[in-house]
Amino acid sequence: MRVYLPAGAAEPVIVGYKREVRADVTAAHQWLRARRPGIWAPPLPPPEEEKNIAEEIRKAMERVDRIAGSGLRQAPHHHALE
């Protein structure tokens, strides 16, 4: 409702009207997630499989050997300065 006071009028004029209020999509989404999290909650990432770090290192070393050849796996030679 609005109240107007036209020039020269003795009393204010009250005018009723309908106003469109747009829906707040974010608020609706939060409301749904709070009340039905099983349906509306964001999906969880898939669980990571446990990795055997020693096996991962062994596989990486095999890849290095394939790419660079077996020369990289030789023990380094240190020369003492005299």
C-alpha atoms as a PDB file:
ATOM      1  CA  MET A   1       0.000   0.000   0.000  1.00  0.00           C
ATOM      2  CA  ARG A   2       1.027   3.523  -0.705  1.00  0.00           C
ATOM      3  CA  VAL A   3      -0.160   6.721   0.875  1.00  0.00           C
ATOM      4  CA  TYR A   4      -0.374   9.852  -1.291  1.00  0.00           C
ATOM      5  CA  LEU A   5      -1.317  13.408  -0.404  1.00  0.00           C
ATOM      6  CA  PRO A   6      -2.401  15.068  -3.649  1.00  0.00           C
ATOM      7  CA  ALA A   7      -2.251  18.852  -3.871  1.00  0.00           C
ATOM      8  CA  GLY A   8      -5.480  20.404  -2.640  1.00  0.00           C
ATOM      9  CA  ALA A   9      -6.783  17.164  -1.058  1.00  0.00           C
ATOM     10  CA  ALA A  10      -8.173  17.254   2.458  1.00  0.00           C
ATOM     11  CA  GLU A  11      -7.209  13.677   3.295  1.00  0.00           C
ATOM     12  CA  PRO A  12      -4.425  11.340   2.132  1.00  0.00           C
ATOM     13  CA  VAL A  13      -5.245   8.768  -0.529  1.00  0.00           C
ATOM     14  CA  ILE A  14      -4.333   5.149   0.242  1.00  0.00           C
ATOM     15  CA  VAL A  15      -3.669   3.047  -2.827  1.00  0.00           C
ATOM     16  CA  GLY A  16      -3.267  -0.715  -2.611  1.00  0.00           C
ATOM     17  CA  TYR A  17      -1.254  -2.573  -5.220  1.00  0.00           C
ATOM     18  CA  LYS A  18       0.448  -5.908  -5.691  1.00  0.00           C
ATOM     19  CA  ARG A  19       4.207  -6.026  -5.831  1.00  0.00           C
ATOM     20  CA  GLU A  20       6.193  -8.877  -7.361  1.00  0.00           C
ATOM     21  CA  VAL A  21       9.034 -10.119  -5.208  1.00  0.00           C
ATOM     22  CA  ARG A  22      11.534 -12.321  -7.010  1.00  0.00           C
ATOM     23  CA  ALA A  23      12.587 -15.543  -5.391  1.00  0.00           C
ATOM     24  CA  ASP A  24      16.059 -15.724  -3.849  1.00  0.00           C
ATOM     25  CA  VAL A  25      17.451 -18.889  -5.415  1.00  0.00           C
ATOM     26  CA  THR A  26      20.461 -19.042  -3.085  1.00  0.00           C
ATOM     27  CA  ALA A  27      18.270 -18.783   0.001  1.00  0.00           C
ATOM     28  CA  ALA A  28      15.985 -21.525  -1.323  1.00  0.00           C
ATOM     29  CA  HIS A  29      18.960 -23.779  -2.003  1.00  0.00           C
ATOM     30  CA  GLN A  30      20.364 -23.240   1.498  1.00  0.00           C
ATOM     31  CA  TRP A  31      16.946 -23.916   3.010  1.00  0.00           C
ATOM     32  CA  LEU A  32      16.671 -27.207   1.110  1.00  0.00           C
ATOM     33  CA  ARG A  33      20.216 -28.256   2.018  1.00  0.00           C
ATOM     34  CA  ALA A  34      19.568 -27.569   5.710  1.00  0.00           C
ATOM     35  CA  ARG A  35      16.352 -29.584   5.816  1.00  0.00           C
ATOM     36  CA  ARG A  36      17.104 -32.486   3.441  1.00  0.00           C
ATOM     37  CA  PRO A  37      20.902 -32.806   3.277  1.00  0.00           C
ATOM     38  CA  GLY A  38      20.699 -36.368   1.988  1.00  0.00           C
ATOM     39  CA  ILE A  39      19.045 -35.105  -1.185  1.00  0.00           C
ATOM     40  CA  TRP A  40      20.339 -31.537  -1.589  1.00  0.00           C
ATOM     41  CA  ALA A  41      23.850 -31.578  -0.119  1.00  0.00           C
ATOM     42  CA  PRO A  42      26.702 -31.323  -2.621  1.00  0.00           C
ATOM     43  CA  PRO A  43      28.167 -34.713  -3.533  1.00  0.00           C
ATOM     44  CA  LEU A  44      31.292 -35.763  -1.684  1.00  0.00           C
ATOM     45  CA  PRO A  45      34.412 -36.519  -3.694  1.00  0.00           C
ATOM     46  CA  PRO A  46      35.158 -40.218  -4.090  1.00  0.00           C
ATOM     47  CA  PRO A  47      37.390 -41.592  -1.335  1.00  0.00           C
ATOM     48  CA  GLU A  48      41.025 -41.959  -2.253  1.00  0.00           C
ATOM     49  CA  GLU A  49      42.440 -45.422  -2.227  1.00  0.00           C
ATOM     50  CA  GLU A  50      45.249 -46.057   0.194  1.00  0.00           C
ATOM     51  CA  LYS A  51      48.517 -46.126  -1.654  1.00  0.00           C
ATOM     52  CA  ASN A  52      51.581 -48.094  -0.801  1.00  0.00           C
ATOM     53  CA  ILE A  53      54.300 -45.441  -1.026  1.00  0.00           C
ATOM     54  CA  ALA A  54      57.065 -48.001  -1.524  1.00  0.00           C
ATOM     55  CA  GLU A  55      55.184 -49.481  -4.490  1.00  0.00           C
ATOM     56  CA  GLU A  56      54.620 -46.013  -5.954  1.00  0.00           C
ATOM     57  CA  ILE A  57      58.365 -45.233  -5.699  1.00  0.00           C
ATOM     58  CA  ARG A  58      59.256 -48.557  -7.317  1.00  0.00           C
ATOM     59  CA  LYS A  59      56.905 -47.845 -10.238  1.00  0.00           C
ATOM     60  CA  ALA A  60      58.333 -44.343 -10.624  1.00  0.00           C
ATOM     61  CA  MET A  61      61.874 -45.709 -10.717  1.00  0.00           C
ATOM     62  CA  GLU A  62      60.831 -48.203 -13.405  1.00  0.00           C
ATOM     63  CA  ARG A  63      59.454 -45.331 -15.489  1.00  0.00           C
ATOM     64  CA  VAL A  64      62.716 -43.418 -15.042  1.00  0.00           C
ATOM     65  CA  ASP A  65      64.683 -46.468 -16.152  1.00  0.00           C
ATOM     66  CA  ARG A  66      62.509 -46.892 -19.252  1.00  0.00           C
ATOM     67  CA  ILE A  67      62.849 -43.246 -20.239  1.00  0.00           C
ATOM     68  CA  ALA A  68      66.491 -42.515 -19.374  1.00  0.00           C
ATOM     69  CA  GLY A  69      68.049 -45.949 -19.440  1.00  0.00           C
ATOM     70  CA  SER A  70      69.785 -47.767 -16.628  1.00  0.00           C
ATOM     71  CA  GLY A  71      72.689 -45.279 -16.518  1.00  0.00           C
ATOM     72  CA  LEU A  72      70.850 -43.059 -14.048  1.00  0.00           C
ATOM     73  CA  ARG A  73      70.528 -45.728 -11.394  1.00  0.00           C
ATOM     74  CA  GLN A  74      74.270 -46.245 -11.000  1.00  0.00           C
ATOM     75  CA  ALA A  75      75.817 -45.001  -7.804  1.00  0.00           C
ATOM     76  CA  PRO A  76      77.384 -41.552  -8.205  1.00  0.00           C
ATOM     77  CA  HIS A  77      81.190 -41.373  -8.129  1.00  0.00           C
ATOM     78  CA  HIS A  78      82.592 -38.815  -5.729  1.00  0.00           C
ATOM     79  CA  HIS A  79      86.120 -37.635  -6.297  1.00  0.00           C
ATOM     80  CA  ALA A  80      87.962 -36.178  -3.364  1.00  0.00           C
ATOM     81  CA  LEU A  81      89.905 -33.074  -4.156  1.00  0.00           C
ATOM     82  CA  GLU A  82      93.579 -33.372  -3.164  1.00  0.00           C
END
